[in-house]
Protein backbone atom coordinates (compact mmCIF):
# COMPACT_ATOMS: atom_id res chain seq x y z
CA UNK A 1 0.23 0.03 -0.12
CA UNK A 2 2.75 2.46 0.17
CA UNK A 3 4.06 4.78 2.75
CA UNK A 4 1.21 6.89 4.63
CA UNK A 5 0.95 10.47 3.61
CA UNK A 6 2.00 13.18 6.04
CA UNK A 7 -1.99 13.96 6.43
CA UNK A 8 -2.41 10.43 7.48
CA UNK A 9 0.41 10.33 9.86
CA UNK A 10 -0.95 13.31 11.84
CA UNK A 11 -4.47 12.11 11.79
CA UNK A 12 -3.46 8.65 13.23
CA UNK A 13 -1.33 10.54 16.11
CA UNK A 14 -4.21 12.74 16.62
CA UNK A 15 -6.55 9.70 16.90
CA UNK A 16 -4.22 7.97 19.04
CA UNK A 17 -4.11 10.72 21.82
CA UNK A 18 -8.01 11.12 21.51
CA UNK A 19 -8.11 7.40 22.56
CA UNK A 20 -5.87 7.42 25.30
CA UNK A 21 -8.41 7.38 28.05
CA UNK A 22 -11.64 5.78 29.51
CA UNK A 23 -14.21 5.21 26.81
CA UNK A 24 -17.32 7.55 26.78
CA UNK A 25 -19.43 9.56 24.32
CA UNK A 26 -17.47 12.65 24.19
CA UNK A 27 -14.03 10.80 23.31
CA UNK A 28 -15.96 9.01 20.67
CA UNK A 29 -17.85 12.16 19.19
CA UNK A 30 -14.40 13.82 18.98
CA UNK A 31 -12.72 10.87 17.16
CA UNK A 32 -15.42 10.71 14.96
CA UNK A 33 -15.01 14.39 14.02
CA UNK A 34 -11.49 13.88 13.87
CA UNK A 35 -11.59 11.04 11.43
CA UNK A 36 -14.30 12.84 9.34
CA UNK A 37 -11.99 15.89 8.80
CA UNK A 38 -9.39 13.47 7.73
CA UNK A 39 -11.43 11.84 4.97
CA UNK A 40 -12.46 15.64 4.29
CA UNK A 41 -9.23 16.53 3.58
CA UNK A 42 -8.35 13.49 1.27
CA UNK A 43 -11.40 14.46 -0.52
CA UNK A 44 -10.49 17.68 -1.36
CA UNK A 45 -7.22 16.58 -2.47
CA UNK A 46 -9.00 14.50 -4.82
CA UNK A 47 -11.61 17.40 -6.23
CA UNK A 48 -8.14 19.15 -6.68
CA UNK A 49 -6.45 16.39 -8.41
CA UNK A 50 -9.54 15.97 -10.88
CA UNK A 51 -10.44 19.70 -11.43
CA UNK A 52 -7.65 21.75 -10.17
CA UNK A 53 -8.44 25.11 -8.07
CA UNK A 54 -11.54 26.35 -10.03
CA UNK A 55 -14.62 26.57 -8.31
CA UNK A 56 -16.78 24.21 -10.18
CA UNK A 57 -20.42 25.65 -9.56
CA UNK A 58 -22.54 27.87 -7.35
CA UNK A 59 -22.38 31.86 -7.64
CA UNK A 60 -18.34 31.82 -8.03
CA UNK A 61 -17.86 29.30 -10.46
CA UNK A 62 -14.50 29.66 -12.31
CA UNK A 63 -12.82 31.62 -9.38
CA UNK A 64 -9.15 30.58 -8.94
CA UNK A 65 -9.46 29.16 -5.24
CA UNK A 66 -5.78 28.09 -4.79
CA UNK A 67 -5.48 28.93 -1.13
CA UNK A 68 -6.17 26.77 1.63
CA UNK A 69 -9.35 28.01 3.47
CA UNK A 70 -8.63 29.72 6.79
CA UNK A 71 -10.88 27.64 8.49
CA UNK A 72 -13.53 24.64 7.74
CA UNK A 73 -13.63 22.35 4.75
CA UNK A 74 -12.31 23.23 1.28
CA UNK A 75 -13.95 20.71 -0.76
CA UNK A 76 -17.47 22.51 -0.72
CA UNK A 77 -16.13 25.46 -1.57
CA UNK A 78 -14.29 24.09 -4.55
CA UNK A 79 -17.65 22.35 -5.85
CA UNK A 80 -19.32 25.57 -5.38
CA UNK A 81 -21.55 24.10 -2.76
CA UNK A 82 -20.36 25.92 0.28
CA UNK A 83 -23.42 27.45 2.15
CA UNK A 84 -25.75 26.46 -0.61
CA UNK A 85 -28.67 28.11 1.14
CA UNK A 86 -27.07 31.54 0.48
CA UNK A 87 -26.70 31.29 -3.34
CA UNK A 88 -30.26 32.99 -3.87
CA UNK A 89 -29.18 36.08 -1.84
CA UNK A 90 -25.50 36.13 -3.44
CA UNK A 91 -27.24 36.22 -6.49
CA UNK A 92 -29.54 39.37 -5.15
CA UNK A 93 -26.72 41.13 -4.07
CA UNK A 94 -24.69 40.67 -7.47
CA UNK A 95 -27.84 41.75 -9.35
CA UNK A 96 -28.43 44.83 -7.12
CA UNK A 97 -24.81 46.31 -8.10
CA UNK A 98 -24.07 47.53 -4.79
CA UNK A 99 -21.31 50.20 -4.86
CA UNK A 100 -19.62 48.50 -1.91
CA UNK A 101 -19.13 45.16 -0.05
CA UNK A 102 -18.04 45.33 3.53
CA UNK A 103 -17.14 41.39 4.28
CA UNK A 104 -16.24 41.14 8.02
CA UNK A 105 -14.83 38.03 9.03
CA UNK A 106 -13.56 37.39 5.47
CA UNK A 107 -11.38 34.49 6.19
CA UNK A 108 -9.40 33.52 2.95
CA UNK A 109 -11.39 35.62 1.12
CA UNK A 110 -13.99 33.02 -0.38
CA UNK A 111 -16.88 35.89 -0.50
CA UNK A 112 -14.69 38.95 -0.72
CA UNK A 113 -12.85 37.74 -3.97
CA UNK A 114 -16.06 36.00 -5.29
CA UNK A 115 -18.08 39.23 -5.00
CA UNK A 116 -15.21 41.28 -6.30
CA UNK A 117 -15.08 38.90 -9.42
CA UNK A 118 -18.59 39.19 -10.14
CA UNK A 119 -19.42 42.92 -9.16
CA UNK A 120 -16.91 45.00 -11.48
CA UNK A 121 -18.23 48.26 -10.30
CA UNK A 122 -17.83 47.08 -6.67
CA UNK A 123 -15.00 47.85 -4.00
CA UNK A 124 -14.86 45.28 -1.43
CA UNK A 125 -13.59 45.88 1.95
CA UNK A 126 -12.43 42.64 3.57
CA UNK A 127 -12.01 42.40 7.33
CA UNK A 128 -10.48 39.93 9.65
CA UNK A 129 -8.73 39.96 13.01
CA UNK A 130 -6.30 37.06 11.81
CA UNK A 131 -3.30 37.95 9.98
CA UNK A 132 -3.21 34.76 8.58
CA UNK A 133 -6.54 35.08 6.82
CA UNK A 134 -5.82 38.70 5.85
CA UNK A 135 -2.73 37.25 3.92
CA UNK A 136 -4.63 34.44 2.27
CA UNK A 137 -7.52 36.88 1.17
CA UNK A 138 -4.94 39.11 -0.38
CA UNK A 139 -3.30 36.41 -2.25
CA UNK A 140 -6.62 35.16 -3.32
CA UNK A 141 -7.38 38.35 -4.84
CA UNK A 142 -4.03 38.76 -6.54
CA UNK A 143 -4.79 35.28 -8.07
CA UNK A 144 -8.05 36.52 -9.63
CA UNK A 145 -7.03 39.60 -10.85
CA UNK A 146 -9.27 42.06 -8.33
CA UNK A 147 -6.56 43.26 -5.85
CA UNK A 148 -7.24 46.70 -6.66
CA UNK A 149 -10.60 46.52 -5.49
CA UNK A 150 -10.43 44.09 -2.79
CA UNK A 151 -9.12 46.44 0.26
CA UNK A 152 -7.84 43.84 3.09
CA UNK A 153 -7.39 44.84 6.67
CA UNK A 154 -8.18 43.99 10.11
CA UNK A 155 -10.68 45.17 12.94
CA UNK A 156 -13.55 46.69 11.83
CA UNK A 157 -15.33 49.17 14.29
CA UNK A 158 -18.99 50.99 14.89
CA UNK A 159 -17.32 54.19 13.54
CA UNK A 160 -16.32 52.17 10.14
CA UNK A 161 -20.02 51.79 9.39
CA UNK A 162 -20.04 55.49 8.49
CA UNK A 163 -19.15 54.59 5.14
CA UNK A 164 -22.53 52.73 4.44
CA UNK A 165 -24.10 56.44 4.51
CA UNK A 166 -21.62 57.37 1.47
CA UNK A 167 -22.60 54.38 -1.04
CA UNK A 168 -25.15 51.74 -1.55
CA UNK A 169 -23.45 49.06 0.74
CA UNK A 170 -24.23 45.08 1.63
CA UNK A 171 -22.72 44.07 4.73
CA UNK A 172 -21.53 40.44 4.97
CA UNK A 173 -20.62 39.40 8.61
CA UNK A 174 -19.11 36.24 9.77
CA UNK A 175 -17.40 36.52 13.31
CA UNK A 176 -18.14 33.66 15.52
CA UNK A 177 -20.30 35.29 17.84
CA UNK A 178 -19.02 38.82 17.85
CA UNK A 179 -21.76 39.94 15.58
CA UNK A 180 -23.83 40.42 19.03
CA UNK A 181 -21.53 43.28 19.66
CA UNK A 182 -20.78 44.63 16.55
CA UNK A 183 -23.82 44.76 14.59
CA UNK A 184 -25.53 47.38 17.02
CA UNK A 185 -27.58 50.24 15.31
CA UNK A 186 -27.66 52.10 18.32
CA UNK A 187 -23.63 52.18 18.65
CA UNK A 188 -23.61 52.24 14.58
CA UNK A 189 -26.67 54.02 13.26
CA UNK A 190 -25.47 54.21 9.66
CA UNK A 191 -25.98 50.45 9.88
CA UNK A 192 -29.42 50.94 9.15
CA UNK A 193 -28.71 52.12 5.58
CA UNK A 194 -26.91 48.94 4.57
CA UNK A 195 -28.54 45.50 3.60
CA UNK A 196 -26.75 42.88 6.09
CA UNK A 197 -26.10 39.15 5.77
CA UNK A 198 -25.04 37.86 9.04
CA UNK A 199 -24.13 34.49 10.31
CA UNK A 200 -25.54 33.78 13.66
CA UNK A 201 -23.57 31.77 16.32
CA UNK A 202 -26.07 31.05 19.17
CA UNK A 203 -23.86 28.27 20.18
CA UNK A 204 -21.26 31.10 21.42
CA UNK A 205 -23.99 33.76 21.97
CA UNK A 206 -27.20 32.25 23.06
CA UNK A 207 -30.09 34.14 21.92
CA UNK A 208 -28.07 36.29 19.14
CA UNK A 209 -30.52 35.32 16.51
CA UNK A 210 -33.37 36.71 18.11
CA UNK A 211 -31.64 39.81 19.18
CA UNK A 212 -30.25 40.90 15.98
CA UNK A 213 -33.52 40.25 14.33
CA UNK A 214 -35.22 42.35 16.84
CA UNK A 215 -32.68 45.25 16.46
CA UNK A 216 -33.45 45.55 12.80
CA UNK A 217 -37.05 44.52 12.34
CA UNK A 218 -38.50 48.17 12.14
CA UNK A 219 -35.97 49.10 9.39
CA UNK A 220 -35.50 45.77 7.56
CA UNK A 221 -37.10 42.69 6.01
CA UNK A 222 -35.46 39.90 7.78
CA UNK A 223 -35.23 36.29 6.28
CA UNK A 224 -33.85 33.56 8.38
CA UNK A 225 -31.58 31.10 6.12
CA UNK A 226 -30.80 27.42 7.86
CA UNK A 227 -28.26 24.97 6.19
CA UNK A 228 -28.89 23.29 2.97
CA UNK A 229 -26.80 20.43 1.47
CA UNK A 230 -26.70 21.02 -2.56
CA UNK A 231 -26.23 17.31 -3.83
CA UNK A 232 -26.77 18.43 -7.23
CA UNK A 233 -23.36 20.30 -7.13
CA UNK A 234 -21.62 16.85 -6.62
CA UNK A 235 -19.74 15.85 -9.56
CA UNK A 236 -20.49 13.11 -12.08
CA UNK A 237 -17.29 11.25 -10.69
CA UNK A 238 -18.88 11.31 -7.07
CA UNK A 239 -21.09 8.70 -8.21
CA UNK A 240 -18.75 5.92 -7.81
CA UNK A 241 -17.75 7.19 -4.01
CA UNK A 242 -19.64 5.78 -1.04
CA UNK A 243 -22.58 7.74 0.57
CA UNK A 244 -20.11 8.97 3.28
CA UNK A 245 -17.63 10.43 0.96
CA UNK A 246 -20.25 11.95 -0.86
CA UNK A 247 -21.74 13.53 2.36
CA UNK A 248 -18.19 14.62 3.24
CA UNK A 249 -17.39 16.30 0.08
CA UNK A 250 -20.50 18.62 1.31
CA UNK A 251 -19.68 18.84 4.83
CA UNK A 252 -18.49 22.34 6.10
CA UNK A 253 -17.12 21.09 9.63
CA UNK A 254 -19.98 23.02 11.76
CA UNK A 255 -20.51 21.82 15.06
CA UNK A 256 -23.52 23.74 15.86
CA UNK A 257 -26.19 25.43 13.91
CA UNK A 258 -25.24 28.46 12.47
CA UNK A 259 -28.48 30.17 10.73
CA UNK A 260 -27.93 33.52 8.77
CA UNK A 261 -30.31 36.44 8.55
CA UNK A 262 -30.78 38.42 5.33
CA UNK A 263 -31.83 41.75 6.80
CA UNK A 264 -32.81 43.83 3.33
CA UNK A 265 -33.75 47.48 4.09
CA UNK A 266 -37.62 48.17 3.75
């Protein structure tokens, strides 16, 4: 069978560490998730081997996704099946022709660069507190020829939302619970001028979905978007795989529900 890959060696070592202790449900769940991530990484490598780094479907089809994800699974991004429930909203954002996109928690730039490619009239502000994510996002923008319109930076504050008053703006926010603090129109009133797509992390901040909806209910139409698996975006060659592998191609590594709110100005 040949020598194991470095990926397999690291996964096996991690599994041995997880198994070193008394058997219990928590330990088994940790081992299952660990093995699923290992298999997901192998499947991502398989996608790259078969089709390269170009996104195969979804709203960002054709994007050169030649960087690793800052977090989460890469296979679903490469297939274009990532966060499939958002696809109609992404197409709405593109069709509206906003002059500015503010992507908070941009990670490696999947949305920032994908939207910059589809919206040549827009300037994209990509923000992330992680220096690694900022570097990856800048690299992805350069690979796709949109670096001149993607401004990569770090922390975004309430005061920075003043720019929403200057140009028609869509805000995309995915910041692991900190949306509860940042998306506050009492502290940043110009947020009320923007359309907002936010991922809600009730697992980190219980009740945040309801709180955000309440803050914007008077000024925005609010639509909740839950997780969807887009099996129709699986490639033809995935038909030869096991059901588990097909599922793992679409898996995004989420441990808790993360609904999105699309808050569209009235």
